[in-house]
Protein backbone atom coordinates (compact mmCIF):
# COMPACT_ATOMS: atom_id res chain seq x y z
CA MET A 1 -35.53 -30.03 73.07
CA LYS A 2 -36.52 -32.15 70.17
CA THR A 3 -37.75 -30.08 67.21
CA ILE A 4 -41.27 -32.00 66.42
CA PHE A 5 -42.95 -29.72 63.82
CA GLU A 6 -41.30 -26.82 61.85
CA PRO A 7 -43.27 -24.60 59.44
CA THR A 8 -43.49 -24.85 56.01
CA LYS A 9 -40.72 -22.69 53.80
CA GLY A 10 -43.10 -22.34 50.87
CA MET A 11 -45.38 -19.69 53.72
CA LEU A 12 -43.39 -16.22 54.70
CA PRO A 13 -42.99 -16.20 58.77
CA VAL A 14 -46.03 -13.42 58.91
CA ASP A 15 -49.58 -13.80 60.43
CA THR A 16 -52.52 -13.98 57.46
CA SER A 17 -55.30 -11.40 57.06
CA TYR A 18 -58.56 -14.38 57.29
CA CYS A 19 -60.21 -14.28 59.81
CA PRO A 20 -60.58 -16.89 62.96
CA GLY A 21 -61.98 -20.10 61.56
CA CYS A 22 -61.41 -19.11 57.77
CA SER A 23 -60.34 -22.12 55.66
CA HIS A 24 -57.80 -19.89 53.43
CA GLY A 25 -54.50 -20.55 55.64
CA ILE A 26 -55.25 -24.27 56.10
CA ALA A 27 -55.47 -24.42 51.77
CA HIS A 28 -51.88 -22.35 51.38
CA ARG A 29 -50.51 -24.24 53.78
CA LEU A 30 -51.25 -27.34 52.07
CA ILE A 31 -50.47 -25.84 48.86
CA MET A 32 -46.84 -24.82 50.26
CA GLU A 33 -46.36 -27.90 51.79
CA VAL A 34 -46.54 -30.09 48.97
CA LEU A 35 -44.22 -27.73 46.64
CA GLU A 36 -41.36 -27.50 49.10
CA GLU A 37 -41.99 -31.59 49.86
CA ARG A 38 -41.57 -31.66 46.09
CA GLY A 39 -38.43 -29.30 45.60
CA ASP A 40 -40.93 -26.89 43.50
CA LEU A 41 -40.39 -23.66 45.88
CA GLY A 42 -38.26 -22.01 43.43
CA ARG A 43 -39.96 -22.94 40.38
CA THR A 44 -43.66 -22.37 40.69
CA ILE A 45 -45.71 -18.85 39.81
CA GLY A 46 -49.08 -18.91 41.49
CA VAL A 47 -52.37 -16.73 39.83
CA VAL A 48 -54.47 -15.09 42.26
CA PRO A 49 -57.77 -12.81 40.97
CA ILE A 50 -59.09 -10.74 43.61
CA GLY A 51 -60.95 -11.78 46.45
CA CYS A 52 -59.67 -12.79 49.98
CA SER A 53 -56.92 -14.79 48.75
CA ILE A 54 -55.46 -11.69 46.53
CA ASN A 55 -53.14 -11.13 49.53
CA ALA A 56 -51.95 -14.12 48.83
CA HIS A 57 -48.50 -13.23 47.71
CA ASN A 58 -48.08 -12.05 51.02
CA PHE A 59 -48.72 -15.49 52.53
CA MET A 60 -46.96 -17.50 49.88
CA ASN A 61 -43.07 -18.02 49.36
CA ILE A 62 -43.23 -18.48 45.91
CA ASP A 63 -43.53 -16.07 42.54
CA MET A 64 -46.85 -14.83 42.30
CA CYS A 65 -48.95 -12.72 39.74
CA GLU A 66 -52.35 -11.53 40.13
CA SER A 67 -54.96 -11.12 37.47
CA THR A 68 -58.29 -9.50 37.27
CA HIS A 69 -61.63 -10.32 38.13
CA GLY A 70 -61.57 -14.22 37.20
CA ARG A 71 -59.38 -14.13 34.77
CA ALA A 72 -56.48 -15.95 36.44
CA PRO A 73 -56.96 -19.07 34.11
CA ALA A 74 -56.16 -16.72 30.92
CA ILE A 75 -52.90 -15.49 33.09
CA ALA A 76 -52.29 -19.29 34.29
CA THR A 77 -52.70 -20.37 30.59
CA GLY A 78 -49.75 -17.88 29.42
CA ILE A 79 -47.05 -18.61 31.95
CA ARG A 80 -47.53 -22.03 31.28
CA ARG A 81 -47.28 -21.85 27.80
CA VAL A 82 -44.49 -19.41 27.74
CA HIS A 83 -43.05 -21.73 30.44
CA PRO A 84 -43.79 -25.22 30.43
CA ASP A 85 -40.69 -25.92 32.72
CA LYS A 86 -42.77 -24.05 35.72
CA VAL A 87 -45.14 -25.61 37.91
CA VAL A 88 -48.54 -23.14 37.44
CA PHE A 89 -51.56 -22.70 39.38
CA THR A 90 -54.84 -20.37 39.72
CA TYR A 91 -55.86 -20.27 43.42
CA GLN A 92 -59.74 -18.79 43.18
CA GLY A 93 -62.65 -18.24 45.42
CA ASP A 94 -66.54 -19.33 44.68
CA GLY A 95 -67.73 -15.39 43.55
CA ASP A 96 -64.59 -15.22 41.18
CA LEU A 97 -64.79 -18.36 39.19
CA ALA A 98 -67.81 -19.56 39.65
CA SER A 99 -69.52 -16.20 38.43
CA ILE A 100 -66.94 -13.60 36.70
CA GLY A 101 -64.82 -16.49 35.38
CA ALA A 102 -67.18 -19.90 34.78
CA GLY A 103 -66.45 -18.46 31.00
CA GLU A 104 -62.70 -18.46 31.86
CA ILE A 105 -62.43 -21.41 33.40
CA VAL A 106 -64.58 -23.71 31.41
CA HIS A 107 -62.09 -22.74 28.34
CA ALA A 108 -59.32 -23.86 30.02
CA ALA A 109 -60.90 -27.06 30.78
CA HIS A 110 -61.69 -27.36 27.22
CA ARG A 111 -58.01 -26.22 26.35
CA GLY A 112 -56.67 -28.66 28.17
CA GLU A 113 -54.23 -26.20 30.03
CA LYS A 114 -51.36 -27.71 31.88
CA PHE A 115 -52.07 -25.94 35.24
CA THR A 116 -53.92 -26.74 38.02
CA THR A 117 -56.10 -24.74 40.04
CA PHE A 118 -57.44 -24.76 43.38
CA PHE A 119 -61.02 -23.60 43.75
CA ILE A 120 -61.82 -22.36 47.65
CA ASN A 121 -66.26 -22.59 47.62
CA ASN A 122 -67.25 -21.38 50.74
CA ALA A 123 -70.55 -20.49 49.33
CA ILE A 124 -70.12 -16.77 49.68
CA TYR A 125 -68.64 -13.88 48.25
CA GLY A 126 -66.16 -13.19 51.55
CA MET A 127 -63.93 -9.96 50.60
CA THR A 128 -66.74 -7.87 49.15
CA GLY A 129 -69.23 -8.44 51.94
CA GLY A 130 -71.28 -11.51 52.17
CA GLN A 131 -73.23 -11.29 48.97
CA MET A 132 -74.97 -14.48 47.63
CA ALA A 133 -72.51 -16.64 45.16
CA PRO A 134 -73.26 -19.29 42.21
CA THR A 135 -72.33 -21.44 44.70
CA THR A 136 -74.71 -20.35 47.43
CA LEU A 137 -76.89 -23.37 49.05
CA ILE A 138 -80.94 -22.83 48.88
CA GLY A 139 -82.22 -21.18 51.99
CA GLN A 140 -79.01 -19.88 52.83
CA ARG A 141 -78.94 -16.35 53.71
CA ALA A 142 -76.55 -13.44 52.75
CA THR A 143 -76.34 -9.47 52.32
CA THR A 144 -78.00 -9.85 48.97
CA ALA A 145 -80.88 -12.44 49.93
CA VAL A 146 -81.68 -11.92 53.85
CA ASP A 147 -84.47 -13.78 53.98
CA GLY A 148 -82.31 -17.20 51.86
CA ARG A 149 -81.53 -18.09 48.17
CA THR A 150 -84.63 -19.40 46.42
CA VAL A 151 -84.96 -21.34 43.69
CA GLU A 152 -87.41 -19.24 41.66
CA GLN A 153 -84.97 -16.23 42.46
CA ALA A 154 -81.53 -17.43 41.84
CA GLY A 155 -82.03 -21.14 40.40
CA LEU A 156 -79.65 -23.68 41.71
CA PRO A 157 -76.87 -23.59 42.90
CA LEU A 158 -73.68 -24.48 40.92
CA ARG A 159 -72.11 -27.30 41.06
CA VAL A 160 -68.70 -26.27 38.95
CA CYS A 161 -66.42 -29.93 40.16
CA GLU A 162 -69.40 -31.95 37.80
CA MET A 163 -69.53 -29.32 34.82
CA LEU A 164 -66.01 -29.87 34.19
CA ALA A 165 -65.75 -33.27 35.10
CA THR A 166 -67.78 -34.02 31.55
CA ILE A 167 -65.17 -32.01 29.89
CA PRO A 168 -62.47 -34.32 27.80
CA GLY A 169 -59.59 -31.87 28.69
CA ALA A 170 -59.98 -31.87 32.59
CA VAL A 171 -58.23 -34.69 32.56
CA PHE A 172 -58.34 -34.51 37.29
CA VAL A 173 -61.30 -33.36 39.22
CA GLU A 174 -61.89 -33.72 42.90
CA ARG A 175 -63.68 -32.57 45.43
CA VAL A 176 -62.28 -32.34 48.98
CA ILE A 177 -63.20 -30.57 53.09
CA LEU A 178 -61.33 -28.91 55.08
CA ASN A 179 -63.15 -30.00 57.97
CA THR A 180 -61.76 -32.54 59.98
CA PRO A 181 -57.74 -33.07 60.61
CA ALA A 182 -57.93 -36.32 58.53
CA ASN A 183 -59.96 -34.70 55.92
CA VAL A 184 -57.32 -31.89 55.72
CA ARG A 185 -54.03 -34.94 55.10
CA LYS A 186 -56.67 -36.17 52.63
CA ALA A 187 -56.76 -33.11 50.72
CA LYS A 188 -52.95 -33.07 50.45
CA LYS A 189 -52.49 -36.12 48.97
CA VAL A 190 -54.70 -34.92 46.69
CA ILE A 191 -52.71 -31.68 46.50
CA GLU A 192 -50.00 -33.87 45.53
CA LYS A 193 -51.71 -36.14 42.82
CA ALA A 194 -52.94 -32.71 40.92
CA PHE A 195 -49.42 -31.62 40.09
CA ASP A 196 -48.19 -35.30 39.64
CA ILE A 197 -50.46 -34.91 36.78
CA GLN A 198 -49.53 -31.62 35.86
CA GLU A 199 -46.12 -33.04 35.75
CA ALA A 200 -46.89 -35.57 33.12
CA ARG A 201 -48.66 -32.64 30.84
CA LEU A 202 -51.82 -34.37 30.69
CA GLY A 203 -54.56 -31.80 31.06
CA PHE A 204 -56.01 -29.38 33.49
CA THR A 205 -56.36 -30.12 36.87
CA PHE A 206 -58.91 -28.87 39.13
CA ILE A 207 -59.44 -29.30 42.90
CA GLU A 208 -62.31 -27.43 45.12
CA PHE A 209 -61.91 -27.31 48.45
CA LEU A 210 -65.02 -27.04 50.50
CA SER A 211 -64.08 -24.24 53.22
CA ALA A 212 -65.55 -22.38 55.89
CA CYS A 213 -65.98 -18.99 56.04
CA PRO A 214 -67.42 -18.11 59.76
CA THR A 215 -67.90 -14.29 59.41
CA ASN A 216 -69.50 -13.87 56.54
CA TRP A 217 -71.78 -16.81 58.01
CA GLY A 218 -72.45 -15.52 61.23
CA MET A 219 -71.08 -18.61 63.05
CA SER A 220 -68.66 -19.84 65.45
CA PRO A 221 -65.46 -21.17 63.69
CA GLU A 222 -66.27 -24.73 65.51
CA ASP A 223 -69.99 -24.49 63.69
CA ALA A 224 -68.94 -23.50 60.12
CA LEU A 225 -66.86 -26.22 60.69
CA LYS A 226 -69.79 -28.37 61.34
CA TRP A 227 -71.93 -26.55 58.76
CA VAL A 228 -69.66 -27.32 55.76
CA ALA A 229 -69.74 -30.97 56.84
CA SER A 230 -73.39 -31.35 57.30
CA ASP A 231 -75.24 -28.85 54.64
CA MET A 232 -72.13 -28.38 52.18
CA ALA A 233 -71.16 -31.48 51.47
CA GLU A 234 -74.42 -33.15 50.77
CA TYR A 235 -74.82 -30.83 48.06
CA TYR A 236 -70.85 -30.80 47.31
CA PRO A 237 -70.34 -34.34 47.13
CA VAL A 238 -66.56 -34.85 48.40
CA GLN A 239 -64.63 -37.35 45.19
CA ASN A 240 -63.31 -38.04 42.80
CA PHE A 241 -64.43 -37.06 39.80
CA ARG A 242 -61.56 -38.11 36.90
CA THR A 243 -58.58 -39.10 37.22
CA PRO A 244 -55.95 -40.54 34.46
CA GLU A 245 -55.45 -43.96 34.28
CA GLY A 246 -52.38 -44.49 36.12
CA PHE A 247 -52.44 -42.07 38.49
């Protein structure tokens, strides 16, 4: 029979531990598929901190390093500076990057570090029990905000792309959404561009993925994907914020 589909060699042949409908698996595959197509699997180093992604080394078929909570950019900085010939990325959730790791990501961008950050924004702490995250929307419920987040109690949700786009060292900043096949294909092209820019050593590159967390949202996978588009994308617009000239 004719083979019409083969899994990427960038993913190990095991089942992931993510919940049904979680967008982590989609993001994993896209990144690894791009690396395989570029021939970069053997020279890539990924860094993951605490969060649902802490088990990524069990799924991604590349060299991986784990960091303490929020500190993946610091580890990636050291790796990339010592190994300038490697492809280096961090893979971080919103509870990690936008909270305890906010200072790390801001200063990595200010330094113009030559690695890529993949930011999984599902608007909640996933691994630790569904607590309110810096990106939790106004009115959205969480285990630490049972009546929904309010401006008076927690302030407005943090828009990370908009913040980083004001920093000159962050040369590529874009937000994508993983809710439909068409948008997944668009996200893959954005990943390709980020690695192209990293290869050119122009500065820090950053991609935010609007993602679903059906378990902690208390939704079905289908309804969660609809909510990503209807509610998350309204507050977090899907767009490019900065691209170097020539890309």
